[in-house]
N, C-alpha and C. Protein backbone atom coordinates (compact mmCIF):
# COMPACT_ATOMS: atom_id res chain seq x y z
N UNK A 1 20.43 -11.12 -11.67
CA UNK A 1 20.02 -11.24 -10.29
C UNK A 1 18.52 -11.00 -10.20
N UNK A 2 17.90 -11.73 -9.32
CA UNK A 2 16.50 -11.52 -8.99
C UNK A 2 16.43 -11.29 -7.49
N UNK A 3 15.98 -10.09 -7.10
CA UNK A 3 15.86 -9.77 -5.68
C UNK A 3 14.41 -9.44 -5.36
N UNK A 4 13.92 -10.06 -4.31
CA UNK A 4 12.57 -9.79 -3.80
C UNK A 4 12.70 -8.92 -2.56
N UNK A 5 11.99 -7.80 -2.53
CA UNK A 5 11.99 -6.92 -1.36
C UNK A 5 10.57 -6.90 -0.80
N UNK A 6 10.45 -7.28 0.46
CA UNK A 6 9.15 -7.29 1.13
C UNK A 6 8.90 -5.93 1.80
N UNK A 7 7.64 -5.61 2.09
CA UNK A 7 7.34 -4.33 2.74
C UNK A 7 8.03 -4.14 4.09
N UNK A 8 8.37 -5.23 4.78
CA UNK A 8 9.05 -5.09 6.07
C UNK A 8 10.54 -4.82 5.91
N UNK A 9 11.01 -4.71 4.65
CA UNK A 9 12.40 -4.39 4.38
C UNK A 9 13.31 -5.59 4.18
N UNK A 10 12.81 -6.79 4.42
CA UNK A 10 13.65 -7.96 4.21
C UNK A 10 13.82 -8.21 2.72
N UNK A 11 15.01 -8.68 2.37
CA UNK A 11 15.34 -8.95 0.98
C UNK A 11 15.70 -10.42 0.83
N UNK A 12 15.38 -10.95 -0.33
CA UNK A 12 15.71 -12.34 -0.62
C UNK A 12 16.20 -12.42 -2.06
N UNK A 13 17.37 -13.01 -2.25
CA UNK A 13 17.88 -13.25 -3.59
C UNK A 13 17.30 -14.58 -4.07
N UNK A 14 16.69 -14.55 -5.23
CA UNK A 14 16.16 -15.76 -5.83
C UNK A 14 17.18 -16.23 -6.85
N UNK A 15 17.84 -17.32 -6.55
CA UNK A 15 18.96 -17.74 -7.40
C UNK A 15 18.72 -18.98 -8.21
N UNK A 16 17.52 -19.53 -8.20
CA UNK A 16 17.30 -20.79 -8.89
C UNK A 16 16.65 -20.63 -10.25
N UNK A 17 16.73 -19.45 -10.84
CA UNK A 17 16.09 -19.18 -12.13
C UNK A 17 17.17 -18.79 -13.14
N UNK A 18 17.21 -19.53 -14.24
CA UNK A 18 18.13 -19.18 -15.32
C UNK A 18 17.38 -18.34 -16.34
N UNK A 19 17.95 -17.24 -16.76
CA UNK A 19 17.30 -16.38 -17.74
C UNK A 19 16.16 -15.58 -17.14
N UNK A 20 15.24 -15.17 -18.00
CA UNK A 20 14.10 -14.36 -17.56
C UNK A 20 13.12 -15.21 -16.77
N UNK A 21 12.60 -14.68 -15.66
CA UNK A 21 11.55 -15.41 -14.96
C UNK A 21 10.28 -15.42 -15.80
N UNK A 22 9.45 -16.40 -15.59
CA UNK A 22 8.17 -16.46 -16.30
C UNK A 22 7.16 -15.54 -15.60
N UNK A 23 6.11 -15.20 -16.32
CA UNK A 23 5.05 -14.40 -15.70
C UNK A 23 4.45 -15.15 -14.52
N UNK A 24 4.29 -16.45 -14.65
CA UNK A 24 3.74 -17.25 -13.55
C UNK A 24 4.61 -17.12 -12.30
N UNK A 25 5.95 -17.20 -12.48
CA UNK A 25 6.85 -17.04 -11.34
C UNK A 25 6.70 -15.66 -10.71
N UNK A 26 6.65 -14.63 -11.54
CA UNK A 26 6.52 -13.26 -11.02
C UNK A 26 5.22 -13.09 -10.24
N UNK A 27 4.11 -13.60 -10.78
CA UNK A 27 2.83 -13.51 -10.08
C UNK A 27 2.90 -14.23 -8.73
N UNK A 28 3.54 -15.39 -8.69
CA UNK A 28 3.66 -16.14 -7.44
C UNK A 28 4.53 -15.40 -6.43
N UNK A 29 5.67 -14.90 -6.87
CA UNK A 29 6.57 -14.20 -5.96
C UNK A 29 5.93 -12.93 -5.40
N UNK A 30 5.21 -12.19 -6.26
CA UNK A 30 4.61 -10.93 -5.84
C UNK A 30 3.23 -11.13 -5.21
N UNK A 31 2.69 -12.32 -5.34
CA UNK A 31 1.34 -12.62 -4.82
C UNK A 31 0.32 -11.64 -5.39
N UNK A 32 0.29 -11.59 -6.72
CA UNK A 32 -0.63 -10.67 -7.39
C UNK A 32 -1.12 -11.29 -8.69
N UNK A 33 -2.00 -10.54 -9.37
CA UNK A 33 -2.57 -11.01 -10.63
C UNK A 33 -2.17 -10.16 -11.83
N UNK A 34 -1.67 -8.95 -11.57
CA UNK A 34 -1.21 -8.08 -12.65
C UNK A 34 0.10 -7.43 -12.22
N UNK A 35 1.01 -7.30 -13.18
CA UNK A 35 2.31 -6.69 -12.87
C UNK A 35 2.58 -5.52 -13.81
N UNK A 36 3.52 -4.71 -13.40
CA UNK A 36 3.95 -3.57 -14.20
C UNK A 36 5.46 -3.44 -14.05
N UNK A 37 6.12 -2.97 -15.11
CA UNK A 37 7.55 -2.66 -15.07
C UNK A 37 7.65 -1.15 -15.29
N UNK A 38 7.68 -0.36 -14.18
CA UNK A 38 7.69 1.10 -14.32
C UNK A 38 8.87 1.59 -15.16
N UNK A 39 8.58 2.51 -16.04
CA UNK A 39 9.62 3.08 -16.89
C UNK A 39 10.13 2.13 -17.95
N UNK A 40 9.62 0.89 -17.97
CA UNK A 40 10.09 -0.10 -18.92
C UNK A 40 11.48 -0.62 -18.60
N UNK A 41 12.04 -0.14 -17.52
CA UNK A 41 13.40 -0.51 -17.15
C UNK A 41 14.32 0.68 -17.31
N UNK A 42 15.52 0.54 -16.78
CA UNK A 42 16.47 1.64 -16.76
C UNK A 42 17.87 1.13 -17.10
N UNK A 43 18.69 1.98 -17.68
CA UNK A 43 20.10 1.67 -17.90
C UNK A 43 20.91 2.71 -17.15
N UNK A 44 21.63 2.25 -16.13
CA UNK A 44 22.46 3.14 -15.33
C UNK A 44 23.89 2.63 -15.33
N UNK A 45 24.79 3.51 -15.72
CA UNK A 45 26.21 3.16 -15.71
C UNK A 45 26.48 1.87 -16.47
N UNK A 46 25.76 1.70 -17.59
CA UNK A 46 25.95 0.53 -18.43
C UNK A 46 25.29 -0.74 -17.92
N UNK A 47 24.50 -0.64 -16.87
CA UNK A 47 23.84 -1.80 -16.28
C UNK A 47 22.33 -1.63 -16.36
N UNK A 48 21.65 -2.66 -16.84
CA UNK A 48 20.20 -2.60 -16.94
C UNK A 48 19.56 -3.10 -15.65
N UNK A 49 18.44 -2.46 -15.29
CA UNK A 49 17.70 -2.83 -14.09
C UNK A 49 16.21 -2.65 -14.36
N UNK A 50 15.42 -3.59 -13.87
CA UNK A 50 13.96 -3.51 -14.00
C UNK A 50 13.33 -3.73 -12.64
N UNK A 51 12.34 -2.92 -12.33
CA UNK A 51 11.51 -3.11 -11.14
C UNK A 51 10.22 -3.76 -11.62
N UNK A 52 9.79 -4.80 -10.96
CA UNK A 52 8.52 -5.45 -11.29
C UNK A 52 7.63 -5.30 -10.07
N UNK A 53 6.47 -4.66 -10.27
CA UNK A 53 5.59 -4.34 -9.15
C UNK A 53 4.18 -4.85 -9.40
N UNK A 54 3.42 -4.98 -8.32
CA UNK A 54 2.01 -5.34 -8.36
C UNK A 54 1.24 -4.13 -8.86
N UNK A 55 0.71 -4.21 -10.07
CA UNK A 55 0.05 -3.06 -10.68
C UNK A 55 -1.18 -2.59 -9.89
N UNK A 56 -1.87 -3.50 -9.24
CA UNK A 56 -3.08 -3.16 -8.51
C UNK A 56 -2.87 -3.08 -7.00
N UNK A 57 -1.64 -3.13 -6.55
CA UNK A 57 -1.35 -3.17 -5.11
C UNK A 57 -1.94 -2.02 -4.32
N UNK A 58 -1.92 -0.84 -4.88
CA UNK A 58 -2.48 0.32 -4.17
C UNK A 58 -3.99 0.20 -4.05
N UNK A 59 -4.61 -0.30 -5.09
CA UNK A 59 -6.07 -0.43 -5.08
C UNK A 59 -6.55 -1.53 -4.13
N UNK A 60 -5.70 -2.54 -3.93
CA UNK A 60 -6.09 -3.66 -3.06
C UNK A 60 -5.57 -3.51 -1.64
N UNK A 61 -4.93 -2.38 -1.33
CA UNK A 61 -4.50 -2.09 0.04
C UNK A 61 -3.22 -2.75 0.49
N UNK A 62 -2.33 -3.05 -0.45
CA UNK A 62 -1.05 -3.63 -0.04
C UNK A 62 -0.23 -2.58 0.70
N UNK A 63 0.61 -3.01 1.66
CA UNK A 63 1.37 -2.05 2.46
C UNK A 63 2.49 -1.37 1.67
N UNK A 64 2.80 -0.17 2.07
CA UNK A 64 3.91 0.62 1.52
C UNK A 64 5.21 -0.15 1.68
N UNK A 65 6.06 -0.11 0.66
CA UNK A 65 7.36 -0.79 0.69
C UNK A 65 8.45 0.28 0.67
N UNK A 66 8.90 0.73 1.87
CA UNK A 66 9.86 1.84 1.91
C UNK A 66 11.22 1.53 1.29
N UNK A 67 11.75 0.33 1.50
CA UNK A 67 13.08 -0.01 0.95
C UNK A 67 13.06 -0.04 -0.58
N UNK A 68 12.03 -0.67 -1.15
CA UNK A 68 11.93 -0.73 -2.61
C UNK A 68 11.71 0.66 -3.19
N UNK A 69 10.89 1.47 -2.52
CA UNK A 69 10.64 2.84 -2.99
C UNK A 69 11.93 3.66 -2.94
N UNK A 70 12.70 3.48 -1.89
CA UNK A 70 13.98 4.19 -1.78
C UNK A 70 14.92 3.82 -2.92
N UNK A 71 15.01 2.53 -3.23
CA UNK A 71 15.88 2.09 -4.33
C UNK A 71 15.35 2.60 -5.67
N UNK A 72 14.04 2.57 -5.84
CA UNK A 72 13.42 3.05 -7.08
C UNK A 72 13.70 4.55 -7.26
N UNK A 73 13.54 5.33 -6.19
CA UNK A 73 13.80 6.76 -6.27
C UNK A 73 15.27 7.05 -6.59
N UNK A 74 16.17 6.25 -6.07
CA UNK A 74 17.60 6.43 -6.37
C UNK A 74 17.87 6.17 -7.85
N UNK A 75 17.25 5.13 -8.39
CA UNK A 75 17.40 4.84 -9.82
C UNK A 75 16.83 5.98 -10.65
N UNK A 76 15.66 6.49 -10.26
CA UNK A 76 15.08 7.62 -10.98
C UNK A 76 15.99 8.84 -10.92
N UNK A 77 16.57 9.10 -9.77
CA UNK A 77 17.45 10.27 -9.61
C UNK A 77 18.70 10.15 -10.48
N UNK A 78 19.18 8.92 -10.67
CA UNK A 78 20.39 8.69 -11.45
C UNK A 78 20.13 8.46 -12.93
N UNK A 79 18.87 8.29 -13.31
CA UNK A 79 18.52 7.99 -14.70
C UNK A 79 18.83 9.19 -15.59
N UNK A 80 19.54 8.97 -16.69
CA UNK A 80 19.90 10.10 -17.56
C UNK A 80 18.72 10.73 -18.30
N UNK A 81 17.55 10.11 -18.27
CA UNK A 81 16.37 10.69 -18.94
C UNK A 81 15.77 11.84 -18.14
N UNK A 82 16.26 12.07 -16.92
CA UNK A 82 15.77 13.18 -16.12
C UNK A 82 14.43 12.92 -15.45
N UNK A 83 14.16 11.66 -15.15
CA UNK A 83 12.91 11.32 -14.46
C UNK A 83 12.94 11.85 -13.04
N UNK A 84 11.77 12.12 -12.48
CA UNK A 84 11.70 12.78 -11.18
C UNK A 84 11.35 11.77 -10.09
N UNK A 85 12.24 11.60 -9.11
CA UNK A 85 11.95 10.70 -7.99
C UNK A 85 10.94 11.32 -7.03
N UNK A 86 10.37 10.47 -6.18
CA UNK A 86 9.49 10.94 -5.13
C UNK A 86 8.04 11.12 -5.53
N UNK A 87 7.69 10.75 -6.74
CA UNK A 87 6.32 10.93 -7.21
C UNK A 87 5.46 9.68 -7.03
N UNK A 88 6.09 8.56 -6.70
CA UNK A 88 5.34 7.32 -6.59
C UNK A 88 5.84 6.53 -5.40
N UNK A 89 4.96 5.73 -4.83
CA UNK A 89 5.32 4.83 -3.74
C UNK A 89 5.05 3.41 -4.20
N UNK A 90 6.02 2.54 -4.01
CA UNK A 90 5.84 1.14 -4.35
C UNK A 90 5.21 0.44 -3.16
N UNK A 91 4.32 -0.49 -3.44
CA UNK A 91 3.60 -1.20 -2.38
C UNK A 91 3.74 -2.71 -2.57
N UNK A 92 3.50 -3.44 -1.48
CA UNK A 92 3.58 -4.89 -1.55
C UNK A 92 5.00 -5.35 -1.82
N UNK A 93 5.12 -6.58 -2.25
CA UNK A 93 6.43 -7.11 -2.61
C UNK A 93 6.86 -6.54 -3.95
N UNK A 94 8.17 -6.34 -4.10
CA UNK A 94 8.73 -5.80 -5.34
C UNK A 94 9.89 -6.69 -5.77
N UNK A 95 9.97 -6.96 -7.05
CA UNK A 95 11.08 -7.73 -7.62
C UNK A 95 11.98 -6.76 -8.37
N UNK A 96 13.29 -6.89 -8.15
CA UNK A 96 14.27 -6.13 -8.94
C UNK A 96 15.06 -7.14 -9.77
N UNK A 97 15.13 -6.88 -11.07
CA UNK A 97 15.84 -7.76 -12.00
C UNK A 97 17.04 -7.05 -12.59
N UNK A 98 18.14 -7.78 -12.71
CA UNK A 98 19.31 -7.31 -13.45
C UNK A 98 19.76 -8.47 -14.33
N UNK A 99 20.76 -8.23 -15.16
CA UNK A 99 21.27 -9.29 -16.04
C UNK A 99 21.75 -10.46 -15.21
N UNK A 100 21.54 -11.67 -15.58
CA UNK A 100 20.98 -12.16 -16.83
C UNK A 100 19.50 -12.47 -16.73
N UNK A 101 18.81 -11.87 -15.78
CA UNK A 101 17.41 -12.21 -15.52
C UNK A 101 16.41 -11.16 -15.95
N UNK A 102 16.80 -10.25 -16.84
CA UNK A 102 15.89 -9.21 -17.32
C UNK A 102 14.75 -9.81 -18.13
N UNK A 103 13.59 -9.17 -18.08
CA UNK A 103 12.47 -9.57 -18.93
C UNK A 103 12.77 -9.11 -20.37
N UNK A 104 12.47 -9.94 -21.30
CA UNK A 104 12.76 -9.57 -22.70
C UNK A 104 11.49 -9.37 -23.48
């Protein structure tokens, strides 16, 4: 699954991509020039999940994304590595990837 979460809380499932999205697609969807996958991805309850964010969004003044941050904090809270939620805020558009669309 590929889900795009906008800062206004609206979500869009992107269903026309088979396999991993390309970097070009990610840059276009996020409207940015650099991306980051915080934590490198997570495995929760046997399911892999990756957040793809605009690496420079805070520096360029992109708006806070409360829905994506909430989901990210929940994943951090449930992660068996003991990562601490609430330390970061996601900004701008955020992509969430699950199988079969994980970055490899």
